[in-house]
Amino acid sequence: MRAIQLLLMMLATAMNPVFSQKQLPASIQPYAVNWGYSVKSMFQAAGYEVPGPKANFDLKPTIETRSDKPRLDSTITYHGYNLNVPDSMPLFRNIHTYPQPDMEVVTEYFYNMDHWMPLSRTAMITDELGRLVDAFSQVYDEETNTYLPDSRIVFYPHENSLTEADSFFVYGWAPELKDWYRLLAVWNTFDGAGRLRESLSSTELFEFPIVFLDRYSYNNDDQLTGIESFNIDGGEEYPASRESFWYADDLLQSTVTETSDGANGFIAESKIEYTYTPFRLQELVKSFVLDFELNDWKLTQVIGYVYDLEDRVSMVEESNATETSQWERTLTTFDYFKDEHLASQSKLSYDHLTDEWKLDQKTYYYYNQTTAYEPVDPISIEMLKMWPNPASGNVQFDLQEDASLHLYNPTGQLIRRFETSQGNHVLDVSGLPAGTYFVKAKSNDLYYTGRLVVQQL
């Protein structure tokens, strides 16, 4: 199943935006909670919202031409930064080759003690418009020292569209039959304006096929306003759920999901709220579930985005509610090689005992047989010491060496940037509006991060 994960991840990351739907068809989503870890991970790695643990690896973030843009050659992921060992350890390595203009092959390796061990190999074939039409994954077999078939995706783009699909099919390999068996199929229907109107889905991950139908509705501005989902049994349609979407200033503000009560009505289940920066970039995504005892919405997840001066995502912080009063927090930071092409990506987790971010995993990207970032000693992530905090006037902060300091306002906009020297420093925040500000400092060897709360007297 790991090769299936890699295959679907390649579909979304390497060929994005080949398929514009970033969610599984709505009627499939309620059943995703019953899927196993490997199935959930492969959809999450492909960019779909499925409950469960996140996939452990990533590949290139954007579609690339084979001519004037950097061509990804490989990635290496390191881990073990918090295991009290002298250095980090290699974890995964992906090698990208291009045997012909319409084909890319990615070979994945796992570091085993002192050598790289092959895991899987995935070949992706594109058409004349650069759209993915076929992908084939194999897993490495140690006994025979060969690659064996594992999974396949066949993709049928919609006419000349770069973003829509008429259908796609996911297959697994049955060694005993020496043939493919279908895991998932999606058929889409479009209207004369090219808008998606219906999705018919069939999943065969269980003992028998389950068929779903989703119907999409739009407003006069061609914005998606609703999805009605049905279970299909014996040719009959049975309401399952519905989603509603609201907009303001042409930006999606919220979605609400309701499930059928089994009669003629629906019961609210969950909602998502979106906020944006002044530059119309997504800033916060808040997810809620309905607390039936309190008859009120309960916040379960918050995802925040920070952007650099070129409007590229530089940080993503995700907070998830737990059964205790503490929230589970993770942070992903991005450094870029050129344009949207990543140089490195770091994943951190928040330690509530020390009130510090701990570096868990770091991935380096290599292009055109040159190094974007050389994976040397791991970069430490330190909490930036600031006092007083909250503050209404001068704020002092301490840095161990010369650094570049960045101050972001509550909407994620960079508002101050200056160079500092070693020692204590004072920052005047008396003219800033009240709110929570994000502070980032970077030196040659260290990253510092912190949150500063500004109050008005």
Protein backbone atom coordinates (compact mmCIF):
# COMPACT_ATOMS: atom_id res chain seq x y z
CA MET A 1 0.00 0.00 0.00
CA ARG A 2 2.94 2.37 0.43
CA ALA A 3 3.33 2.52 -3.36
CA ILE A 4 -0.37 3.43 -3.62
CA GLN A 5 0.34 6.31 -1.24
CA LEU A 6 3.21 7.47 -3.40
CA LEU A 7 1.16 7.06 -6.58
CA LEU A 8 -1.74 9.22 -5.42
CA MET A 9 0.63 11.73 -3.88
CA MET A 10 2.31 12.06 -7.27
CA LEU A 11 -1.11 12.64 -8.83
CA ALA A 12 -1.78 15.64 -6.59
CA THR A 13 1.66 17.14 -6.03
CA ALA A 14 3.53 16.53 -9.25
CA MET A 15 0.58 17.12 -11.56
CA ASN A 16 -1.46 19.59 -9.53
CA PRO A 17 -3.73 21.18 -10.65
CA VAL A 18 -4.68 18.30 -12.97
CA PHE A 19 -7.72 17.45 -10.82
CA SER A 20 -9.29 20.51 -9.29
CA GLN A 21 -11.33 18.76 -6.57
CA LYS A 22 -9.22 18.81 -3.41
CA GLN A 23 -11.79 16.71 -1.58
CA LEU A 24 -13.12 13.28 -2.25
CA PRO A 25 -16.66 13.32 -3.63
CA ALA A 26 -18.76 14.50 -0.70
CA SER A 27 -20.75 11.29 -0.29
CA ILE A 28 -17.59 9.21 0.11
CA GLN A 29 -16.18 11.35 2.93
CA PRO A 30 -18.42 10.07 5.77
CA TYR A 31 -17.23 6.52 5.05
CA ALA A 32 -13.55 7.44 5.10
CA VAL A 33 -13.43 7.07 8.88
CA ASN A 34 -13.76 3.30 8.38
CA TRP A 35 -10.79 3.02 6.04
CA GLY A 36 -7.45 1.64 7.16
CA TYR A 37 -4.35 3.73 7.77
CA SER A 38 -2.74 3.08 4.40
CA VAL A 39 -5.84 4.07 2.45
CA LYS A 40 -6.31 7.24 4.51
CA SER A 41 -2.66 8.18 4.13
CA MET A 42 -2.66 7.82 0.36
CA PHE A 43 -5.61 10.21 0.02
CA GLN A 44 -4.15 12.69 2.49
CA ALA A 45 -0.83 12.64 0.66
CA ALA A 46 -2.78 13.37 -2.52
CA GLY A 47 -4.26 16.49 -0.92
CA TYR A 48 -7.67 15.09 -0.01
CA GLU A 49 -9.29 15.75 3.37
CA VAL A 50 -9.63 12.39 5.07
CA PRO A 51 -9.67 11.82 8.85
CA GLY A 52 -6.64 10.07 10.27
CA PRO A 53 -2.84 10.38 10.59
CA LYS A 54 -0.99 12.44 8.02
CA ALA A 55 1.30 10.82 5.48
CA ASN A 56 4.97 10.87 6.41
CA PHE A 57 6.49 12.18 3.22
CA ASP A 58 6.11 14.86 0.56
CA LEU A 59 7.25 15.45 -2.98
CA LYS A 60 7.59 18.47 -5.26
CA PRO A 61 4.83 21.04 -4.72
CA THR A 62 4.02 22.27 -8.22
CA ILE A 63 3.67 21.17 -11.82
CA GLU A 64 6.88 21.72 -13.78
CA THR A 65 7.69 21.96 -17.45
CA ARG A 66 10.75 20.16 -18.73
CA SER A 67 12.38 23.23 -20.30
CA ASP A 68 12.83 26.61 -18.64
CA LYS A 69 11.93 25.77 -15.05
CA PRO A 70 14.06 23.92 -12.48
CA ARG A 71 13.70 20.18 -12.80
CA LEU A 72 13.51 18.25 -9.56
CA ASP A 73 16.17 15.56 -9.31
CA SER A 74 15.77 14.29 -5.77
CA THR A 75 14.63 14.93 -2.21
CA ILE A 76 16.12 13.73 1.06
CA THR A 77 14.23 13.72 4.36
CA TYR A 78 16.00 13.68 7.73
CA HIS A 79 14.55 12.95 11.18
CA GLY A 80 15.66 12.20 14.73
CA TYR A 81 16.40 15.80 15.70
CA ASN A 82 14.98 15.27 19.20
CA LEU A 83 16.35 11.83 20.05
CA ASN A 84 19.39 13.06 22.02
CA VAL A 85 21.81 11.93 19.34
CA PRO A 86 24.68 14.01 17.91
CA ASP A 87 23.02 14.54 14.53
CA SER A 88 19.88 13.89 12.57
CA MET A 89 19.44 10.69 10.57
CA PRO A 90 18.36 10.11 6.95
CA LEU A 91 14.85 8.76 6.58
CA PHE A 92 13.54 8.87 2.98
CA ARG A 93 15.09 9.65 -0.37
CA ASN A 94 13.28 10.15 -3.67
CA ILE A 95 15.12 10.09 -7.01
CA HIS A 96 13.39 11.71 -10.04
CA THR A 97 14.35 10.69 -13.58
CA TYR A 98 12.86 11.64 -16.95
CA PRO A 99 13.42 8.80 -19.47
CA GLN A 100 11.28 10.54 -22.11
CA PRO A 101 9.52 13.93 -22.47
CA ASP A 102 6.12 12.64 -21.37
CA MET A 103 7.32 10.43 -18.51
CA GLU A 104 8.68 10.98 -15.01
CA VAL A 105 9.87 8.15 -12.77
CA VAL A 106 10.22 8.53 -9.00
CA THR A 107 12.12 5.89 -7.03
CA GLU A 108 11.72 5.99 -3.26
CA TYR A 109 14.29 4.68 -0.78
CA PHE A 110 14.34 4.12 2.98
CA TYR A 111 17.55 4.51 4.97
CA ASN A 112 18.28 1.23 6.76
CA MET A 113 21.15 1.50 9.23
CA ASP A 114 23.95 2.30 6.78
CA HIS A 115 22.48 2.05 3.27
CA TRP A 116 19.52 3.14 1.17
CA MET A 117 16.98 0.37 0.64
CA PRO A 118 14.55 0.62 -2.33
CA LEU A 119 10.87 0.85 -1.43
CA SER A 120 8.91 1.65 -4.57
CA ARG A 121 9.09 3.02 -8.10
CA THR A 122 6.38 5.11 -9.78
CA ALA A 123 6.15 6.07 -13.45
CA MET A 124 3.85 8.94 -14.52
CA ILE A 125 2.81 9.56 -18.13
CA THR A 126 1.39 12.88 -19.33
CA ASP A 127 -0.38 13.93 -22.53
CA GLU A 128 0.51 16.75 -24.92
CA LEU A 129 -1.03 19.31 -22.53
CA GLY A 130 1.02 18.09 -19.58
CA ARG A 131 -1.95 16.36 -17.92
CA LEU A 132 -1.52 13.07 -16.11
CA VAL A 133 -3.16 10.22 -18.01
CA ASP A 134 -1.52 7.12 -16.54
CA ALA A 135 0.57 6.29 -13.48
CA PHE A 136 2.01 2.94 -12.46
CA SER A 137 3.61 1.98 -9.14
CA GLN A 138 5.76 -0.98 -8.18
CA VAL A 139 7.11 -2.12 -4.81
CA TYR A 140 10.57 -3.52 -4.27
CA ASP A 141 10.77 -7.22 -3.34
CA GLU A 142 13.90 -8.08 -1.33
CA GLU A 143 13.69 -11.80 -2.01
CA THR A 144 13.81 -11.46 -5.78
CA ASN A 145 15.58 -8.06 -5.92
CA THR A 146 12.95 -6.89 -8.39
CA TYR A 147 10.04 -4.46 -8.49
CA LEU A 148 6.56 -6.01 -8.43
CA PRO A 149 3.27 -4.35 -9.59
CA ASP A 150 1.33 -2.66 -6.80
CA SER A 151 -1.09 0.06 -7.96
CA ARG A 152 -2.19 2.12 -10.94
CA ILE A 153 -4.18 5.26 -11.77
CA VAL A 154 -5.81 5.84 -15.14
CA PHE A 155 -6.91 9.43 -15.62
CA TYR A 156 -9.23 10.88 -18.30
CA PRO A 157 -9.08 14.71 -18.52
CA HIS A 158 -12.18 16.66 -19.51
CA GLU A 159 -11.82 17.92 -23.09
CA ASN A 160 -9.01 20.53 -23.16
CA SER A 161 -9.40 21.51 -19.52
CA LEU A 162 -6.25 21.56 -17.40
CA THR A 163 -8.23 21.32 -14.15
CA GLU A 164 -11.22 19.01 -14.72
CA ALA A 165 -11.55 15.26 -15.13
CA ASP A 166 -14.23 13.19 -16.83
CA SER A 167 -13.20 10.22 -14.68
CA PHE A 168 -10.32 8.51 -12.93
CA PHE A 169 -9.78 4.99 -11.62
CA VAL A 170 -7.53 3.60 -8.90
CA TYR A 171 -6.44 -0.03 -9.14
CA GLY A 172 -4.59 -2.46 -6.90
CA TRP A 173 -2.62 -5.50 -8.03
CA ALA A 174 -3.81 -9.04 -7.15
CA PRO A 175 -0.72 -11.34 -7.29
CA GLU A 176 -2.83 -14.49 -7.15
CA LEU A 177 -4.84 -13.37 -10.18
CA LYS A 178 -1.93 -11.57 -11.87
CA ASP A 179 -4.39 -8.81 -12.72
CA TRP A 180 -5.68 -5.43 -11.54
CA TYR A 181 -8.73 -4.99 -9.32
CA ARG A 182 -10.52 -1.67 -8.96
CA LEU A 183 -10.35 0.20 -5.66
CA LEU A 184 -12.09 3.44 -6.55
CA ALA A 185 -13.82 4.94 -9.58
CA VAL A 186 -15.20 8.45 -10.10
CA TRP A 187 -17.26 9.59 -13.12
CA ASN A 188 -18.04 13.30 -13.51
CA THR A 189 -20.74 15.03 -15.58
CA PHE A 190 -20.44 18.67 -16.72
CA ASP A 191 -22.97 21.19 -18.04
CA GLY A 192 -22.62 23.39 -21.12
CA ALA A 193 -20.70 25.99 -19.12
CA GLY A 194 -18.10 23.43 -18.11
CA ARG A 195 -19.28 23.26 -14.49
CA LEU A 196 -19.23 19.99 -12.60
CA ARG A 197 -22.83 18.90 -12.10
CA GLU A 198 -22.70 15.29 -10.91
CA SER A 199 -20.12 12.85 -9.55
CA LEU A 200 -20.90 9.15 -9.53
CA SER A 201 -18.48 7.25 -7.29
CA SER A 202 -17.95 3.58 -6.63
CA THR A 203 -15.60 2.32 -3.96
CA GLU A 204 -14.64 -1.34 -3.79
CA LEU A 205 -12.45 -1.17 -0.72
CA PHE A 206 -15.02 -3.23 1.17
CA GLU A 207 -16.48 -6.67 0.45
CA PHE A 208 -18.99 -5.25 -2.02
CA PRO A 209 -19.20 -2.09 -4.11
CA ILE A 210 -20.83 0.99 -2.61
CA VAL A 211 -22.18 3.58 -5.04
CA PHE A 212 -22.68 7.28 -4.33
CA LEU A 213 -24.03 10.25 -6.25
CA ASP A 214 -23.18 13.92 -5.64
CA ARG A 215 -25.04 16.83 -7.26
CA TYR A 216 -23.49 20.31 -7.42
CA SER A 217 -25.30 23.67 -7.57
CA TYR A 218 -23.96 27.17 -8.34
CA ASN A 219 -24.99 30.82 -8.03
CA ASN A 220 -25.07 33.41 -10.80
CA ASP A 221 -21.35 34.06 -10.30
CA ASP A 222 -20.54 30.38 -11.00
CA GLN A 223 -19.59 29.85 -7.36
CA LEU A 224 -20.30 26.45 -5.86
CA THR A 225 -23.15 26.89 -3.36
CA GLY A 226 -24.22 23.35 -2.52
CA ILE A 227 -23.50 19.63 -2.80
CA GLU A 228 -26.27 17.09 -2.27
CA SER A 229 -25.08 13.53 -1.65
CA PHE A 230 -27.00 10.30 -2.08
CA ASN A 231 -26.46 6.60 -1.51
CA ILE A 232 -27.49 4.50 -4.51
CA ASP A 233 -29.13 1.14 -3.79
CA GLY A 234 -31.06 -0.85 -6.34
CA GLY A 235 -31.22 2.17 -8.62
CA GLU A 236 -32.90 4.28 -5.92
CA GLU A 237 -31.43 7.48 -4.47
CA TYR A 238 -31.36 7.89 -0.69
CA PRO A 239 -30.31 11.29 0.78
CA ALA A 240 -27.09 11.01 2.79
CA SER A 241 -25.76 14.51 3.40
CA ARG A 242 -25.51 18.02 2.02
CA GLU A 243 -22.95 20.83 2.10
CA SER A 244 -23.67 24.55 1.82
CA PHE A 245 -21.14 27.25 0.87
CA TRP A 246 -21.28 31.02 1.58
CA TYR A 247 -19.20 33.78 -0.01
CA ALA A 248 -18.38 37.45 0.54
CA ASP A 249 -16.40 39.63 -1.83
CA ASP A 250 -15.92 36.54 -4.05
CA LEU A 251 -14.13 34.69 -1.23
CA LEU A 252 -15.43 31.53 0.43
CA GLN A 253 -16.39 32.39 4.03
CA SER A 254 -17.85 29.19 5.43
CA THR A 255 -19.18 25.72 4.70
CA VAL A 256 -21.70 23.72 6.69
CA THR A 257 -22.19 19.96 6.43
CA GLU A 258 -25.49 18.32 7.39
CA THR A 259 -26.38 14.63 7.48
CA SER A 260 -29.71 12.99 6.80
CA ASP A 261 -31.87 12.22 9.83
CA GLY A 262 -33.29 9.16 8.04
CA ALA A 263 -36.62 10.84 7.43
CA ASN A 264 -37.08 14.02 5.43
CA GLY A 265 -34.72 16.33 7.26
CA PHE A 266 -31.04 17.02 7.91
CA ILE A 267 -28.98 17.51 11.07
CA ALA A 268 -26.07 19.97 11.23
CA GLU A 269 -22.80 18.13 11.82
CA SER A 270 -19.78 20.32 11.10
CA LYS A 271 -18.70 23.65 9.66
CA ILE A 272 -15.54 25.38 8.44
CA GLU A 273 -14.83 29.12 8.58
CA TYR A 274 -12.25 30.96 6.45
CA THR A 275 -10.52 34.31 6.92
CA TYR A 276 -8.12 36.08 4.56
CA THR A 277 -5.25 38.56 4.55
CA PRO A 278 -5.76 42.05 3.03
CA PHE A 279 -4.14 40.59 -0.09
CA ARG A 280 -6.93 37.98 -0.34
CA LEU A 281 -4.71 35.10 0.69
CA GLN A 282 -6.07 32.44 3.01
CA GLU A 283 -5.07 33.23 6.59
CA LEU A 284 -7.06 31.02 8.97
CA VAL A 285 -9.17 27.90 8.52
CA LYS A 286 -11.26 26.96 11.57
CA SER A 287 -13.12 23.65 11.80
CA PHE A 288 -16.04 22.99 14.17
CA VAL A 289 -18.30 20.10 15.11
CA LEU A 290 -21.71 20.46 16.66
CA ASP A 291 -21.83 19.70 20.39
CA PHE A 292 -25.31 18.22 20.72
CA GLU A 293 -25.34 18.50 24.53
CA LEU A 294 -24.59 22.23 24.44
CA ASN A 295 -26.31 22.77 21.10
CA ASP A 296 -23.36 24.88 20.02
CA TRP A 297 -20.33 24.67 17.78
CA LYS A 298 -17.11 23.26 19.24
CA LEU A 299 -13.77 24.34 17.73
CA THR A 300 -11.67 21.29 16.80
CA GLN A 301 -8.96 22.55 14.47
CA VAL A 302 -7.24 25.80 13.47
CA ILE A 303 -4.84 26.11 10.52
CA GLY A 304 -2.96 29.38 10.09
CA TYR A 305 -0.88 30.54 7.12
CA VAL A 306 1.99 33.04 6.96
CA TYR A 307 3.31 34.37 3.64
CA ASP A 308 6.60 35.88 2.50
CA LEU A 309 7.07 39.04 0.47
CA GLU A 310 6.38 37.11 -2.75
CA ASP A 311 3.04 35.81 -1.41
CA ARG A 312 4.41 32.30 -1.02
CA VAL A 313 3.45 30.24 2.03
CA SER A 314 6.34 30.45 4.48
CA MET A 315 4.70 28.85 7.52
CA VAL A 316 1.66 26.70 8.27
CA GLU A 317 0.65 26.14 11.89
CA GLU A 318 -1.97 23.51 12.69
CA SER A 319 -3.65 23.14 16.08
CA ASN A 320 -5.91 20.20 16.87
CA ALA A 321 -8.11 19.79 19.92
CA THR A 322 -7.38 16.84 22.19
CA GLU A 323 -9.33 15.20 24.98
CA THR A 324 -7.29 17.24 27.46
CA SER A 325 -7.28 21.01 27.68
CA GLN A 326 -4.06 21.25 25.65
CA TRP A 327 -4.02 21.54 21.90
CA GLU A 328 -1.73 19.47 19.70
CA ARG A 329 0.28 21.94 17.61
CA THR A 330 2.47 21.37 14.57
CA LEU A 331 4.38 23.86 12.44
CA THR A 332 5.66 23.49 8.87
CA THR A 333 8.11 26.05 7.46
CA PHE A 334 9.14 26.48 3.83
CA ASP A 335 12.25 27.91 2.20
CA TYR A 336 12.30 28.41 -1.57
CA PHE A 337 14.93 27.74 -4.22
CA LYS A 338 13.30 29.66 -7.09
CA ASP A 339 9.75 30.89 -7.65
CA GLU A 340 7.44 28.25 -6.17
CA HIS A 341 10.09 25.53 -6.09
CA LEU A 342 11.01 24.45 -2.58
CA ALA A 343 14.56 24.41 -1.24
CA SER A 344 13.67 22.86 2.10
CA GLN A 345 10.68 22.03 4.26
CA SER A 346 10.77 21.64 8.06
CA LYS A 347 8.18 20.01 10.30
CA LEU A 348 8.06 20.88 13.99
CA SER A 349 5.90 19.94 16.97
CA TYR A 350 5.16 22.05 20.03
CA ASP A 351 6.41 20.77 23.40
CA HIS A 352 4.05 22.02 26.10
CA LEU A 353 6.50 21.05 28.86
CA THR A 354 9.24 23.34 27.58
CA ASP A 355 7.03 25.79 25.65
CA GLU A 356 9.27 25.30 22.62
CA TRP A 357 9.00 24.12 19.05
CA LYS A 358 10.94 20.90 18.41
CA LEU A 359 12.25 20.09 14.94
CA ASP A 360 11.01 16.63 13.94
CA GLN A 361 11.74 16.30 10.24
CA LYS A 362 13.40 18.25 7.44
CA THR A 363 13.31 17.65 3.68
CA TYR A 364 15.83 19.05 1.19
CA TYR A 365 15.12 19.48 -2.54
CA TYR A 366 17.68 19.20 -5.35
CA TYR A 367 17.25 20.57 -8.88
CA ASN A 368 19.08 20.19 -12.19
CA GLN A 369 21.85 18.21 -10.48
CA THR A 370 22.62 21.15 -8.21
CA THR A 371 21.93 21.55 -4.51
CA ALA A 372 19.24 23.90 -3.30
CA TYR A 373 20.19 23.41 0.36
CA GLU A 374 23.06 21.22 1.47
CA PRO A 375 21.83 18.93 4.30
CA VAL A 376 24.48 19.62 6.91
CA ASP A 377 24.05 19.85 10.66
CA PRO A 378 20.40 20.35 11.62
CA ILE A 379 19.21 23.92 12.20
CA SER A 380 17.93 24.46 15.73
CA ILE A 381 14.56 26.12 16.28
CA GLU A 382 14.60 28.33 19.36
CA MET A 383 11.86 30.24 21.13
CA LEU A 384 12.46 34.00 20.87
CA LYS A 385 12.63 35.48 24.36
CA MET A 386 10.56 38.68 24.60
CA TRP A 387 9.45 40.70 27.59
CA PRO A 388 7.04 42.03 28.61
CA ASN A 389 4.53 39.90 26.72
CA PRO A 390 1.70 41.08 26.42
CA ALA A 391 3.11 44.56 25.80
CA SER A 392 1.87 48.07 25.02
CA GLY A 393 5.15 49.96 24.68
CA ASN A 394 8.73 48.82 24.45
CA VAL A 395 9.50 45.11 24.09
CA GLN A 396 12.92 43.66 24.80
CA PHE A 397 14.11 40.52 23.09
CA ASP A 398 17.32 38.53 23.33
CA LEU A 399 19.31 37.05 20.43
CA GLN A 400 22.50 35.04 20.74
CA GLU A 401 24.00 36.34 17.50
CA ASP A 402 23.38 38.70 14.57
CA ALA A 403 20.05 37.96 12.94
CA SER A 404 17.39 39.16 10.53
CA LEU A 405 14.12 39.84 12.36
CA HIS A 406 10.67 39.76 10.73
CA LEU A 407 7.45 40.99 12.38
CA TYR A 408 4.10 39.83 10.94
CA ASN A 409 0.76 41.41 11.86
CA PRO A 410 -2.34 39.37 12.85
CA THR A 411 -3.35 39.02 9.17
CA GLY A 412 -0.02 37.43 8.23
CA GLN A 413 1.40 40.53 6.50
CA LEU A 414 5.08 41.33 6.98
CA ILE A 415 5.14 44.84 8.51
CA ARG A 416 8.70 45.21 9.80
CA ARG A 417 12.00 43.72 8.79
CA PHE A 418 15.42 44.73 10.09
CA GLU A 419 18.86 43.43 10.95
CA THR A 420 19.92 43.03 14.56
CA SER A 421 23.16 42.44 16.38
CA GLN A 422 23.95 40.17 19.30
CA GLY A 423 22.50 41.07 22.70
CA ASN A 424 19.38 42.68 24.12
CA HIS A 425 17.21 44.84 21.86
CA VAL A 426 14.19 47.07 22.24
CA LEU A 427 11.23 47.20 19.88
CA ASP A 428 8.61 49.94 20.20
CA VAL A 429 5.11 48.51 19.58
CA SER A 430 3.12 51.44 20.97
CA GLY A 431 1.89 52.42 17.52
CA LEU A 432 0.68 48.96 16.54
CA PRO A 433 -2.98 47.91 16.71
CA ALA A 434 -3.89 45.42 19.41
CA GLY A 435 -3.58 41.78 18.41
CA THR A 436 -1.30 38.76 18.25
CA TYR A 437 1.84 39.22 16.16
CA PHE A 438 4.21 36.55 14.87
CA VAL A 439 7.94 37.22 15.20
CA LYS A 440 10.56 35.30 13.25
CA ALA A 441 14.33 35.79 13.46
CA LYS A 442 16.94 33.96 11.40
CA SER A 443 20.69 33.84 11.89
CA ASN A 444 23.34 31.78 10.14
CA ASP A 445 22.72 28.75 12.32
CA LEU A 446 19.48 29.29 14.22
CA TYR A 447 15.82 30.02 13.74
CA TYR A 448 13.87 31.91 16.42
CA THR A 449 10.10 32.08 16.56
CA GLY A 450 7.64 33.63 18.97
CA ARG A 451 4.22 35.22 19.41
CA LEU A 452 3.87 38.74 20.71
CA VAL A 453 0.58 40.03 22.09
CA VAL A 454 0.16 43.80 21.69
CA GLN A 455 -2.30 45.58 23.97
CA GLN A 456 -3.48 49.17 23.85
CA LEU A 457 -3.55 51.19 27.06
